[in-house]
């Protein structure tokens, strides 16, 4: 079972990533559309590295068992998909 603290931190991390994406989208859309595609690609790479790094840190240093690691990764990536769906719905 994944701890409540890990769930809350994951939720806060994904909310911060989603809010950062929405703020960057607003900024680059107002500045000019030519930089919007570069922002999409750069922020997508940033999000993937942050999520994979966070998952690796949890798995290697915090998790007590393989079952807990699998549950955490499943929870984190499902939350990531939900965050991406919500940000795309809100901005498109």
Protein backbone atom coordinates (compact mmCIF):
# COMPACT_ATOMS: atom_id res chain seq x y z
CA UNK A 1 0.00 0.00 0.00
CA UNK A 2 1.26 3.43 -0.94
CA UNK A 3 1.46 5.87 1.97
CA UNK A 4 -0.84 8.87 2.22
CA UNK A 5 2.18 11.19 2.24
CA UNK A 6 3.39 9.77 -1.10
CA UNK A 7 -0.09 10.18 -2.57
CA UNK A 8 -0.35 13.79 -1.39
CA UNK A 9 3.14 14.67 -2.64
CA UNK A 10 2.38 13.06 -6.01
CA UNK A 11 -0.84 15.01 -6.25
CA UNK A 12 0.93 18.29 -5.42
CA UNK A 13 3.68 17.55 -7.94
CA UNK A 14 1.20 16.88 -10.72
CA UNK A 15 -0.87 19.95 -9.84
CA UNK A 16 2.29 22.07 -10.00
CA UNK A 17 3.26 20.53 -13.37
CA UNK A 18 -0.24 21.13 -14.74
CA UNK A 19 -0.33 24.71 -13.47
CA UNK A 20 3.11 25.37 -14.95
CA UNK A 21 1.96 24.02 -18.30
CA UNK A 22 -1.14 26.20 -18.29
CA UNK A 23 0.82 29.32 -17.30
CA UNK A 24 3.44 28.66 -19.98
CA UNK A 25 0.73 28.03 -22.56
CA UNK A 26 -0.93 31.37 -21.75
CA UNK A 27 2.41 33.20 -21.86
CA UNK A 28 3.63 31.77 -25.16
CA UNK A 29 0.23 32.08 -26.80
CA UNK A 30 0.15 35.79 -25.91
CA UNK A 31 3.76 36.37 -27.00
CA UNK A 32 3.47 34.65 -30.33
CA UNK A 33 2.41 31.32 -31.70
CA UNK A 34 5.79 30.52 -33.26
CA UNK A 35 7.29 29.61 -29.86
CA UNK A 36 4.28 27.59 -28.70
CA UNK A 37 5.42 24.37 -30.39
CA UNK A 38 8.89 24.65 -28.85
CA UNK A 39 7.30 25.21 -25.45
CA UNK A 40 5.13 22.09 -25.90
CA UNK A 41 8.13 19.92 -26.71
CA UNK A 42 10.44 21.36 -24.04
CA UNK A 43 7.82 21.16 -21.30
CA UNK A 44 6.81 17.63 -22.34
CA UNK A 45 10.43 16.51 -21.97
CA UNK A 46 10.68 18.32 -18.63
CA UNK A 47 7.50 16.63 -17.34
CA UNK A 48 8.68 13.17 -18.39
CA UNK A 49 12.08 13.60 -16.70
CA UNK A 50 10.48 14.90 -13.50
CA UNK A 51 7.93 12.08 -13.32
CA UNK A 52 10.46 9.35 -14.14
CA UNK A 53 12.97 10.78 -11.67
CA UNK A 54 10.35 10.97 -8.94
CA UNK A 55 9.26 7.39 -9.62
CA UNK A 56 12.88 6.17 -9.58
CA UNK A 57 13.61 7.92 -6.28
CA UNK A 58 10.51 6.40 -4.70
CA UNK A 59 11.23 2.91 -6.02
CA UNK A 60 14.92 2.81 -5.10
CA UNK A 61 14.95 4.72 -1.81
CA UNK A 62 11.48 4.74 -0.23
CA UNK A 63 9.56 1.64 -1.31
CA UNK A 64 9.66 -1.41 0.93
CA UNK A 65 8.45 -4.05 -1.53
CA UNK A 66 7.92 -4.82 -5.18
CA UNK A 67 4.14 -4.73 -4.72
CA UNK A 68 4.35 -1.23 -3.21
CA UNK A 69 6.55 -0.09 -6.09
CA UNK A 70 4.10 -1.43 -8.67
CA UNK A 71 1.16 0.21 -6.89
CA UNK A 72 3.01 3.53 -6.73
CA UNK A 73 3.98 3.49 -10.41
CA UNK A 74 0.45 2.57 -11.44
CA UNK A 75 -0.97 5.36 -9.27
CA UNK A 76 1.57 7.94 -10.49
CA UNK A 77 1.12 7.25 -14.18
CA UNK A 78 -2.68 7.15 -13.92
CA UNK A 79 -2.53 10.53 -12.15
CA UNK A 80 -0.22 11.78 -14.94
CA UNK A 81 -2.67 10.71 -17.64
CA UNK A 82 -5.52 12.41 -15.76
CA UNK A 83 -3.46 15.61 -15.40
CA UNK A 84 -2.67 15.65 -19.11
CA UNK A 85 -6.31 15.04 -20.05
CA UNK A 86 -7.49 17.85 -17.78
CA UNK A 87 -4.94 20.37 -19.04
CA UNK A 88 -5.77 19.54 -22.66
CA UNK A 89 -9.51 19.86 -21.99
CA UNK A 90 -9.03 23.18 -20.22
CA UNK A 91 -6.81 24.69 -22.94
CA UNK A 92 -8.27 23.32 -26.18
